[in-house]
Amino acid sequence: MVDRGNDRIRKIVIATASVTTLAGGVYGAADGTSSAAQFLLPNDITTDGTNLYVSDSGNINIRQIVIATGVVTTLAGGASGIADGTGSAAQFGYPYGITTNGKNLYMTDSGNYTIRKIQ
């Protein structure tokens, strides 16, 4: 789950209701593992079963978290604008919702009033 107010991505074990932090905890923009990673107003999350994908609204980017290791990397974006491109060449206005069809990611770029596809 996204814990937006605490800049964290949390794991909840349904059977036990145990809550732990998978990544984040301090606001910022750093890639890293578990608590070394930083988010700024993460908003939504989706998964392909191996990775989590986070719309990190405050950092204007999409982040990837390897579920097994907690390693966080920036997948796309990082600068305000409306440019298509790969990695940091892509620009978003304000990433909000995110989902996947198993092949591509789709996100709402509410700052640019668009739906964007990330391959």
Protein backbone atom coordinates (compact mmCIF):
# COMPACT_ATOMS: atom_id res chain seq x y z
CA MET A 1 0.00 0.00 0.00
CA VAL A 2 1.03 3.61 -0.48
CA ASP A 3 1.48 5.54 2.76
CA ARG A 4 1.45 8.95 1.07
CA GLY A 5 1.74 11.08 4.20
CA ASN A 6 4.82 9.18 5.39
CA ASP A 7 6.48 8.79 1.95
CA ARG A 8 6.55 4.99 2.33
CA ILE A 9 5.47 1.89 0.52
CA ARG A 10 4.08 -0.62 3.02
CA LYS A 11 3.47 -4.36 2.94
CA ILE A 12 0.45 -5.80 4.73
CA VAL A 13 0.27 -9.56 5.30
CA ILE A 14 -3.45 -10.24 5.00
CA ALA A 15 -3.46 -13.42 7.13
CA THR A 16 -1.85 -11.72 10.15
CA ALA A 17 -2.55 -8.01 9.50
CA SER A 18 1.20 -7.42 9.99
CA VAL A 19 2.38 -4.10 8.51
CA THR A 20 6.01 -3.47 7.52
CA THR A 21 7.75 -0.83 5.44
CA LEU A 22 9.01 -2.17 2.11
CA ALA A 23 10.64 1.07 0.95
CA GLY A 24 10.95 4.74 1.82
CA GLY A 25 10.29 6.65 5.00
CA VAL A 26 12.07 9.95 4.40
CA TYR A 27 10.89 12.40 1.77
CA GLY A 28 13.27 12.96 -1.12
CA ALA A 29 14.16 11.50 -4.51
CA ALA A 30 16.85 8.88 -3.87
CA ASP A 31 16.88 5.41 -5.42
CA GLY A 32 18.13 2.70 -3.07
CA THR A 33 17.16 -0.34 -1.06
CA SER A 34 14.35 -0.31 1.50
CA SER A 35 14.67 2.66 3.88
CA ALA A 36 17.53 4.16 1.81
CA ALA A 37 15.01 4.89 -0.97
CA GLN A 38 13.13 8.16 -0.77
CA PHE A 39 9.72 9.19 -2.11
CA LEU A 40 7.86 12.49 -2.22
CA LEU A 41 4.08 12.10 -2.09
CA PRO A 42 3.77 8.65 -3.64
CA ASN A 43 0.23 8.36 -4.89
CA ASP A 44 -0.65 5.01 -6.43
CA ILE A 45 0.79 1.54 -6.95
CA THR A 46 0.39 -1.44 -9.26
CA THR A 47 2.20 -4.75 -9.66
CA ASP A 48 3.15 -7.32 -12.29
CA GLY A 49 3.76 -9.92 -9.56
CA THR A 50 7.53 -9.39 -9.47
CA ASN A 51 7.78 -5.60 -9.25
CA LEU A 52 5.72 -2.79 -7.82
CA TYR A 53 5.33 0.40 -9.84
CA VAL A 54 4.70 3.64 -7.98
CA SER A 55 3.48 6.99 -9.24
CA ASP A 56 5.77 9.25 -7.21
CA SER A 57 3.80 12.45 -7.69
CA GLY A 58 6.06 14.88 -5.84
CA ASN A 59 9.14 13.71 -7.76
CA ILE A 60 7.21 13.71 -11.05
CA ASN A 61 8.32 10.18 -11.89
CA ILE A 62 7.46 6.50 -11.97
CA ARG A 63 9.44 4.24 -9.65
CA GLN A 64 10.00 0.48 -9.74
CA ILE A 65 10.42 -1.64 -6.61
CA VAL A 66 11.66 -5.23 -6.83
CA ILE A 67 9.34 -6.95 -4.35
CA ALA A 68 11.85 -9.64 -3.30
CA THR A 69 14.68 -7.21 -2.48
CA GLY A 70 13.10 -3.78 -1.88
CA VAL A 71 15.42 -2.20 -4.47
CA VAL A 72 13.90 1.04 -5.80
CA THR A 73 14.88 2.59 -9.14
CA THR A 74 13.45 5.45 -11.16
CA LEU A 75 11.83 4.03 -14.28
CA ALA A 76 10.66 7.19 -16.08
CA GLY A 77 10.34 10.93 -15.63
CA GLY A 78 11.83 13.32 -13.13
CA ALA A 79 11.21 16.68 -14.80
CA SER A 80 8.02 18.65 -15.23
CA GLY A 81 6.71 18.87 -18.79
CA ILE A 82 4.90 16.77 -21.38
CA ALA A 83 7.62 15.04 -23.38
CA ASP A 84 7.44 11.45 -24.54
CA GLY A 85 10.72 9.56 -24.22
CA THR A 86 12.62 6.80 -22.50
CA GLY A 87 13.72 6.97 -18.87
CA SER A 88 14.56 10.49 -17.71
CA ALA A 89 13.76 11.90 -21.16
CA ALA A 90 10.05 11.41 -20.38
CA GLN A 91 8.38 14.35 -18.67
CA PHE A 92 5.16 14.38 -16.68
CA GLY A 93 2.95 17.07 -15.18
CA TYR A 94 1.77 15.18 -12.10
CA PRO A 95 1.70 11.36 -12.16
CA TYR A 96 -1.34 10.17 -10.30
CA GLY A 97 -2.96 6.77 -10.92
CA ILE A 98 -1.06 3.80 -12.36
CA THR A 99 -2.01 0.33 -13.63
CA THR A 100 -0.64 -2.42 -15.84
CA ASN A 101 -1.98 -4.93 -18.35
CA GLY A 102 1.08 -7.14 -17.75
CA LYS A 103 2.95 -5.72 -20.75
CA ASN A 104 2.78 -1.93 -20.38
CA LEU A 105 2.16 0.56 -17.61
CA TYR A 106 -0.58 3.15 -17.97
CA MET A 107 -0.67 6.25 -15.81
CA THR A 108 -2.80 9.30 -15.45
CA ASP A 109 -0.76 12.46 -15.89
CA SER A 110 -3.22 14.76 -14.20
CA GLY A 111 -1.00 17.83 -14.60
CA ASN A 112 -1.20 17.42 -18.38
CA TYR A 113 -4.74 15.97 -18.55
CA THR A 114 -3.47 12.87 -20.35
CA ILE A 115 -3.20 9.10 -20.06
CA ARG A 116 0.39 8.00 -20.68
CA LYS A 117 1.74 4.59 -21.67
CA ILE A 118 5.12 3.33 -20.43
CA GLN A 119 6.53 0.39 -22.35
